[in-house]
Amino acid sequence: MAITAFAPAITRSKEIIAEKSAQAVLKLVPEVTEGKQANRKFFATFVTGIGVLGIFMLLFINTLLAQDAFELSHLKLEAKMVSDQREAIAREIDKKSSPDALAQAATELGMKPSENPIFLQLNKATPNQGRTSNG
C-alpha cells in the first residue's frame, strides 16, 4: 500500500486533534452569554472602597505631619525663650562684674580705694635671674 492511500485518514485525524484541542482551550475560558455579564456594581463598590481607604490613609498621614509641625513650632518657641533667658543672665553677670559695680560693692563692704597702688611687674629681672649655678 502506498502512503497516498492514507492521506485522507491523516487529514481527518489532524482535524480531530485541532477540534479537540480547541475544545480544551475553550474549556479554560468560561462561556460568555447574554445573561452572564460581569457585575459592574461589585467593581464600582470595590473601586469606591479603595478610594475611601486611600483618602482615610492620607488624612491620617496629614494629621501625623500636622501634629509634628505643632510640636516643632513649640520646641522652637521654647528654644527661643531659653536663649533669651541665657542672654538676660549674661547681661546681668556683665552688669554686676563691671568695674563701677565692683567698686560700689567694695565701698558698701567698707573697703577704701588705695591712694598709691603698687603693681607687681613679672617681666623685671631679679638679682637671682642673672646668675647661673655652677654646682
N, C-alpha and C. Protein backbone atom coordinates (compact mmCIF):
# COMPACT_ATOMS: atom_id res chain seq x y z
N MET A 1 0.80 -1.17 0.00
CA MET A 1 0.00 0.00 0.00
C MET A 1 0.85 1.24 0.00
N ALA A 2 0.34 2.16 -0.70
CA ALA A 2 1.09 3.40 -0.81
C ALA A 2 0.66 4.37 0.29
N ILE A 3 1.54 5.25 0.59
CA ILE A 3 1.27 6.22 1.65
C ILE A 3 0.19 7.21 1.23
N THR A 4 0.01 7.38 -0.06
CA THR A 4 -1.03 8.30 -0.52
C THR A 4 -2.41 7.77 -0.19
N ALA A 5 -2.52 6.46 0.01
CA ALA A 5 -3.80 5.88 0.37
C ALA A 5 -4.20 6.31 1.78
N PHE A 6 -3.25 6.58 2.60
CA PHE A 6 -3.55 7.00 3.98
C PHE A 6 -3.77 8.51 4.11
N ALA A 7 -3.61 9.28 3.08
CA ALA A 7 -3.72 10.73 3.11
C ALA A 7 -5.05 11.21 3.65
N PRO A 8 -6.19 10.69 3.24
CA PRO A 8 -7.45 11.18 3.80
C PRO A 8 -7.56 10.89 5.30
N ALA A 9 -7.04 9.77 5.77
CA ALA A 9 -7.10 9.44 7.20
C ALA A 9 -6.21 10.38 8.01
N ILE A 10 -5.05 10.74 7.50
CA ILE A 10 -4.14 11.66 8.21
C ILE A 10 -4.77 13.04 8.28
N THR A 11 -5.39 13.46 7.20
CA THR A 11 -6.02 14.77 7.19
C THR A 11 -7.18 14.80 8.19
N ARG A 12 -7.95 13.72 8.22
CA ARG A 12 -9.08 13.65 9.14
C ARG A 12 -8.61 13.62 10.59
N SER A 13 -7.53 12.92 10.90
CA SER A 13 -7.01 12.88 12.27
C SER A 13 -6.47 14.24 12.69
N LYS A 14 -5.88 14.99 11.76
CA LYS A 14 -5.43 16.34 12.08
C LYS A 14 -6.61 17.23 12.44
N GLU A 15 -7.70 17.08 11.73
CA GLU A 15 -8.89 17.88 12.00
C GLU A 15 -9.46 17.53 13.39
N ILE A 16 -9.47 16.24 13.71
CA ILE A 16 -9.99 15.80 15.01
C ILE A 16 -9.12 16.35 16.15
N ILE A 17 -7.82 16.28 15.97
CA ILE A 17 -6.89 16.79 17.00
C ILE A 17 -7.08 18.30 17.18
N ALA A 18 -7.20 19.05 16.08
CA ALA A 18 -7.38 20.50 16.17
C ALA A 18 -8.70 20.83 16.86
N GLU A 19 -9.75 20.08 16.55
CA GLU A 19 -11.06 20.32 17.16
C GLU A 19 -11.04 20.04 18.65
N LYS A 20 -10.42 18.93 19.06
CA LYS A 20 -10.36 18.58 20.48
C LYS A 20 -9.48 19.57 21.26
N SER A 21 -8.37 20.01 20.67
CA SER A 21 -7.53 20.98 21.37
C SER A 21 -8.24 22.32 21.48
N ALA A 22 -9.03 22.71 20.50
CA ALA A 22 -9.80 23.95 20.58
C ALA A 22 -10.83 23.85 21.68
N GLN A 23 -11.45 22.68 21.81
CA GLN A 23 -12.42 22.50 22.88
C GLN A 23 -11.75 22.56 24.25
N ALA A 24 -10.55 22.00 24.33
CA ALA A 24 -9.82 22.04 25.61
C ALA A 24 -9.46 23.47 25.97
N VAL A 25 -9.05 24.26 25.00
CA VAL A 25 -8.70 25.65 25.26
C VAL A 25 -9.94 26.43 25.63
N LEU A 26 -11.04 26.18 24.96
CA LEU A 26 -12.28 26.91 25.27
C LEU A 26 -12.82 26.55 26.65
N LYS A 27 -12.52 25.37 27.15
CA LYS A 27 -12.97 24.99 28.48
C LYS A 27 -12.26 25.82 29.56
N LEU A 28 -11.06 26.32 29.25
CA LEU A 28 -10.33 27.16 30.22
C LEU A 28 -10.99 28.52 30.39
N VAL A 29 -11.62 29.03 29.33
CA VAL A 29 -12.28 30.33 29.38
C VAL A 29 -13.77 30.09 29.53
N PRO A 30 -14.44 30.71 30.50
CA PRO A 30 -15.87 30.47 30.66
C PRO A 30 -16.66 31.04 29.48
N GLU A 31 -17.77 30.41 29.22
CA GLU A 31 -18.60 30.88 28.12
C GLU A 31 -19.29 32.17 28.53
N VAL A 32 -19.23 33.17 27.66
CA VAL A 32 -19.86 34.45 27.93
C VAL A 32 -21.16 34.47 27.14
N THR A 33 -22.24 34.60 27.85
CA THR A 33 -23.55 34.67 27.21
C THR A 33 -24.20 35.98 27.60
N GLU A 34 -25.34 36.25 27.05
CA GLU A 34 -26.05 37.50 27.34
C GLU A 34 -26.45 37.60 28.81
N GLY A 35 -26.81 36.51 29.41
CA GLY A 35 -27.29 36.53 30.79
C GLY A 35 -26.18 36.61 31.82
N LYS A 36 -24.95 36.28 31.44
CA LYS A 36 -23.85 36.27 32.40
C LYS A 36 -22.83 37.35 32.05
N GLN A 37 -23.15 38.60 32.33
CA GLN A 37 -22.19 39.68 32.12
C GLN A 37 -21.51 39.99 33.45
N ALA A 38 -20.37 40.64 33.35
CA ALA A 38 -19.64 40.99 34.56
C ALA A 38 -20.47 41.98 35.38
N ASN A 39 -20.45 41.81 36.67
CA ASN A 39 -21.23 42.64 37.57
C ASN A 39 -20.50 43.96 37.79
N ARG A 40 -21.09 45.04 37.30
CA ARG A 40 -20.46 46.36 37.42
C ARG A 40 -20.63 46.93 38.83
N LYS A 41 -21.66 46.51 39.51
CA LYS A 41 -21.90 47.01 40.87
C LYS A 41 -20.77 46.59 41.81
N PHE A 42 -20.32 45.36 41.70
CA PHE A 42 -19.22 44.89 42.54
C PHE A 42 -17.95 45.68 42.25
N PHE A 43 -17.66 45.92 40.97
CA PHE A 43 -16.45 46.67 40.60
C PHE A 43 -16.52 48.10 41.13
N ALA A 44 -17.68 48.74 40.98
CA ALA A 44 -17.84 50.11 41.47
C ALA A 44 -17.68 50.17 42.98
N THR A 45 -18.22 49.18 43.68
CA THR A 45 -18.09 49.13 45.14
C THR A 45 -16.64 48.93 45.54
N PHE A 46 -15.95 48.06 44.83
CA PHE A 46 -14.54 47.80 45.11
C PHE A 46 -13.69 49.05 44.91
N VAL A 47 -13.87 49.73 43.78
CA VAL A 47 -13.10 50.95 43.49
C VAL A 47 -13.43 52.04 44.50
N THR A 48 -14.70 52.17 44.86
CA THR A 48 -15.09 53.18 45.85
C THR A 48 -14.46 52.87 47.21
N GLY A 49 -14.46 51.60 47.59
CA GLY A 49 -13.83 51.21 48.86
C GLY A 49 -12.34 51.51 48.89
N ILE A 50 -11.65 51.21 47.80
CA ILE A 50 -10.22 51.52 47.72
C ILE A 50 -9.99 53.03 47.79
N GLY A 51 -10.85 53.79 47.11
CA GLY A 51 -10.72 55.26 47.15
C GLY A 51 -10.93 55.82 48.53
N VAL A 52 -11.95 55.34 49.23
CA VAL A 52 -12.24 55.82 50.60
C VAL A 52 -11.10 55.44 51.53
N LEU A 53 -10.60 54.21 51.39
CA LEU A 53 -9.46 53.79 52.22
C LEU A 53 -8.24 54.67 51.96
N GLY A 54 -7.98 55.01 50.70
CA GLY A 54 -6.86 55.89 50.37
C GLY A 54 -7.02 57.28 50.97
N ILE A 55 -8.24 57.82 50.92
CA ILE A 55 -8.49 59.15 51.49
C ILE A 55 -8.27 59.13 53.01
N PHE A 56 -8.75 58.06 53.68
CA PHE A 56 -8.54 57.97 55.13
C PHE A 56 -7.06 57.83 55.47
N MET A 57 -6.31 57.11 54.68
CA MET A 57 -4.86 56.98 54.92
C MET A 57 -4.17 58.34 54.74
N LEU A 58 -4.54 59.08 53.70
CA LEU A 58 -3.97 60.42 53.51
C LEU A 58 -4.33 61.35 54.66
N LEU A 59 -5.56 61.26 55.13
CA LEU A 59 -5.97 62.09 56.27
C LEU A 59 -5.17 61.74 57.52
N PHE A 60 -4.96 60.46 57.75
CA PHE A 60 -4.17 60.02 58.90
C PHE A 60 -2.73 60.51 58.82
N ILE A 61 -2.12 60.37 57.65
CA ILE A 61 -0.73 60.82 57.46
C ILE A 61 -0.64 62.34 57.62
N ASN A 62 -1.61 63.05 57.06
CA ASN A 62 -1.61 64.51 57.18
C ASN A 62 -1.77 64.94 58.63
N THR A 63 -2.59 64.24 59.40
CA THR A 63 -2.76 64.56 60.82
C THR A 63 -1.46 64.34 61.59
N LEU A 64 -0.77 63.25 61.30
CA LEU A 64 0.52 63.00 61.96
C LEU A 64 1.54 64.08 61.63
N LEU A 65 1.58 64.49 60.35
CA LEU A 65 2.52 65.55 59.96
C LEU A 65 2.17 66.87 60.63
N ALA A 66 0.88 67.18 60.72
CA ALA A 66 0.47 68.43 61.38
C ALA A 66 0.83 68.40 62.86
N GLN A 67 0.65 67.25 63.49
CA GLN A 67 0.99 67.13 64.91
C GLN A 67 2.50 67.35 65.10
N ASP A 68 3.32 66.80 64.23
CA ASP A 68 4.76 67.01 64.32
C ASP A 68 5.12 68.47 64.06
N ALA A 69 4.39 69.13 63.17
CA ALA A 69 4.66 70.54 62.89
C ALA A 69 4.35 71.39 64.12
N PHE A 70 3.24 71.09 64.82
CA PHE A 70 2.92 71.84 66.04
C PHE A 70 3.98 71.61 67.11
N GLU A 71 4.43 70.40 67.25
CA GLU A 71 5.46 70.10 68.24
C GLU A 71 6.77 70.81 67.90
N LEU A 72 7.10 70.85 66.61
CA LEU A 72 8.32 71.54 66.18
C LEU A 72 8.23 73.03 66.48
N SER A 73 7.09 73.65 66.19
CA SER A 73 6.95 75.09 66.47
C SER A 73 7.01 75.35 67.98
N HIS A 74 6.45 74.45 68.78
CA HIS A 74 6.52 74.59 70.25
C HIS A 74 7.97 74.50 70.72
N LEU A 75 8.73 73.56 70.18
CA LEU A 75 10.13 73.41 70.58
C LEU A 75 10.97 74.60 70.14
N LYS A 76 10.67 75.16 68.96
CA LYS A 76 11.39 76.36 68.51
C LYS A 76 11.11 77.53 69.44
N LEU A 77 9.85 77.68 69.85
CA LEU A 77 9.49 78.75 70.78
C LEU A 77 10.20 78.57 72.12
N GLU A 78 10.25 77.34 72.60
CA GLU A 78 10.93 77.05 73.86
C GLU A 78 12.43 77.33 73.76
N ALA A 79 13.04 76.98 72.63
CA ALA A 79 14.47 77.25 72.44
C ALA A 79 14.74 78.75 72.40
N LYS A 80 13.82 79.51 71.80
CA LYS A 80 13.99 80.97 71.77
C LYS A 80 13.88 81.55 73.17
N MET A 81 12.95 81.04 73.98
CA MET A 81 12.82 81.53 75.36
C MET A 81 14.07 81.21 76.18
N VAL A 82 14.62 80.02 76.01
CA VAL A 82 15.84 79.64 76.73
C VAL A 82 17.00 80.53 76.29
N SER A 83 17.07 80.81 75.01
CA SER A 83 18.13 81.69 74.51
C SER A 83 17.99 83.11 75.08
N ASP A 84 16.75 83.61 75.15
CA ASP A 84 16.52 84.93 75.74
C ASP A 84 16.91 84.95 77.22
N GLN A 85 16.58 83.89 77.95
CA GLN A 85 16.95 83.81 79.36
C GLN A 85 18.47 83.78 79.51
N ARG A 86 19.14 83.04 78.64
CA ARG A 86 20.60 82.97 78.70
C ARG A 86 21.22 84.35 78.45
N GLU A 87 20.68 85.08 77.47
CA GLU A 87 21.19 86.43 77.20
C GLU A 87 20.93 87.37 78.38
N ALA A 88 19.77 87.25 79.02
CA ALA A 88 19.46 88.10 80.17
C ALA A 88 20.40 87.80 81.33
N ILE A 89 20.69 86.53 81.56
CA ILE A 89 21.64 86.16 82.62
C ILE A 89 23.04 86.68 82.30
N ALA A 90 23.45 86.58 81.03
CA ALA A 90 24.78 87.08 80.64
C ALA A 90 24.86 88.60 80.83
N ARG A 91 23.77 89.32 80.49
CA ARG A 91 23.78 90.78 80.71
C ARG A 91 23.85 91.11 82.20
N GLU A 92 23.15 90.34 83.03
CA GLU A 92 23.18 90.56 84.48
C GLU A 92 24.58 90.32 85.03
N ILE A 93 25.24 89.27 84.55
CA ILE A 93 26.61 88.99 85.00
C ILE A 93 27.54 90.10 84.57
N ASP A 94 27.42 90.55 83.33
CA ASP A 94 28.27 91.65 82.85
C ASP A 94 28.03 92.92 83.65
N LYS A 95 26.77 93.17 83.99
CA LYS A 95 26.44 94.37 84.76
C LYS A 95 27.04 94.31 86.16
N LYS A 96 26.96 93.14 86.80
CA LYS A 96 27.47 93.01 88.16
C LYS A 96 28.99 92.90 88.21
N SER A 97 29.62 92.50 87.11
CA SER A 97 31.08 92.38 87.14
C SER A 97 31.77 93.57 86.48
N SER A 98 31.03 94.63 86.20
CA SER A 98 31.67 95.82 85.64
C SER A 98 32.49 96.52 86.73
N PRO A 99 33.51 97.27 86.36
CA PRO A 99 34.36 97.93 87.37
C PRO A 99 33.58 98.88 88.30
N ASP A 100 32.61 99.60 87.75
CA ASP A 100 31.83 100.51 88.60
C ASP A 100 31.02 99.74 89.64
N ALA A 101 30.39 98.64 89.23
CA ALA A 101 29.59 97.84 90.16
C ALA A 101 30.49 97.19 91.21
N LEU A 102 31.66 96.72 90.81
CA LEU A 102 32.59 96.12 91.77
C LEU A 102 33.09 97.16 92.77
N ALA A 103 33.36 98.38 92.29
CA ALA A 103 33.82 99.45 93.19
C ALA A 103 32.72 99.82 94.19
N GLN A 104 31.48 99.88 93.72
CA GLN A 104 30.37 100.22 94.61
C GLN A 104 30.16 99.11 95.64
N ALA A 105 30.26 97.84 95.21
CA ALA A 105 30.10 96.73 96.15
C ALA A 105 31.22 96.73 97.18
N ALA A 106 32.43 97.05 96.76
CA ALA A 106 33.55 97.10 97.70
C ALA A 106 33.36 98.24 98.70
N THR A 107 32.86 99.37 98.26
CA THR A 107 32.60 100.50 99.16
C THR A 107 31.52 100.14 100.18
N GLU A 108 30.50 99.42 99.73
CA GLU A 108 29.44 99.01 100.64
C GLU A 108 29.96 98.03 101.69
N LEU A 109 30.99 97.25 101.34
CA LEU A 109 31.58 96.33 102.30
C LEU A 109 32.56 97.01 103.25
N GLY A 110 32.83 98.27 103.01
CA GLY A 110 33.71 99.01 103.90
C GLY A 110 35.14 99.11 103.38
N MET A 111 35.40 98.73 102.19
CA MET A 111 36.75 98.84 101.63
C MET A 111 36.96 100.26 101.14
N LYS A 112 38.22 100.68 101.18
CA LYS A 112 38.57 102.02 100.73
C LYS A 112 39.55 101.90 99.57
N PRO A 113 39.45 102.79 98.62
CA PRO A 113 40.37 102.73 97.48
C PRO A 113 41.79 103.10 97.92
N SER A 114 42.76 102.45 97.29
CA SER A 114 44.16 102.71 97.61
C SER A 114 44.59 104.02 96.95
N GLU A 115 45.37 104.83 97.71
CA GLU A 115 45.81 106.11 97.17
C GLU A 115 47.07 105.97 96.35
N ASN A 116 47.93 105.02 96.68
CA ASN A 116 49.11 104.76 95.87
C ASN A 116 49.24 103.26 95.63
N PRO A 117 48.69 102.78 94.54
CA PRO A 117 48.72 101.33 94.28
C PRO A 117 50.12 100.85 93.91
N ILE A 118 50.43 99.65 94.29
CA ILE A 118 51.71 99.02 93.95
C ILE A 118 51.39 97.87 93.00
N PHE A 119 52.06 97.88 91.87
CA PHE A 119 51.83 96.86 90.85
C PHE A 119 52.97 95.88 90.84
N LEU A 120 52.70 94.65 90.64
CA LEU A 120 53.69 93.59 90.55
C LEU A 120 54.10 93.46 89.09
N GLN A 121 55.38 93.62 88.83
CA GLN A 121 55.88 93.51 87.46
C GLN A 121 56.65 92.20 87.35
N LEU A 122 56.15 91.31 86.56
CA LEU A 122 56.75 89.99 86.44
C LEU A 122 57.87 89.92 85.41
N ASN A 123 57.93 90.83 84.49
CA ASN A 123 58.97 90.77 83.47
C ASN A 123 60.25 91.49 83.87
N LYS A 124 60.35 92.05 85.05
CA LYS A 124 61.55 92.71 85.55
C LYS A 124 62.53 91.65 86.04
N ALA A 125 63.78 91.79 85.72
CA ALA A 125 64.81 90.82 86.11
C ALA A 125 65.10 90.96 87.60
N THR A 126 65.18 89.84 88.28
CA THR A 126 65.52 89.84 89.70
C THR A 126 67.02 89.55 89.82
N PRO A 127 67.65 89.84 90.94
CA PRO A 127 69.09 89.60 91.06
C PRO A 127 69.47 88.13 90.88
N ASN A 128 68.60 87.18 91.22
CA ASN A 128 68.94 85.76 91.08
C ASN A 128 68.82 85.26 89.64
N GLN A 129 68.14 85.98 88.80
CA GLN A 129 67.93 85.52 87.44
C GLN A 129 69.20 85.65 86.60
N GLY A 130 70.03 86.61 86.89
CA GLY A 130 71.24 86.83 86.09
C GLY A 130 72.30 85.80 86.34
N ARG A 131 72.30 85.15 87.49
CA ARG A 131 73.35 84.18 87.83
C ARG A 131 72.94 82.78 87.43
N THR A 132 73.93 81.99 87.14
CA THR A 132 73.71 80.58 86.89
C THR A 132 74.47 79.81 87.92
N SER A 133 73.97 78.71 88.34
CA SER A 133 74.67 77.94 89.38
C SER A 133 75.66 77.01 88.71
N ASN A 134 76.87 77.03 89.21
CA ASN A 134 77.96 76.19 88.67
C ASN A 134 78.22 75.01 89.58
N GLY A 135 77.31 74.53 90.24
CA GLY A 135 77.28 73.45 91.13
C GLY A 135 78.42 72.73 91.46
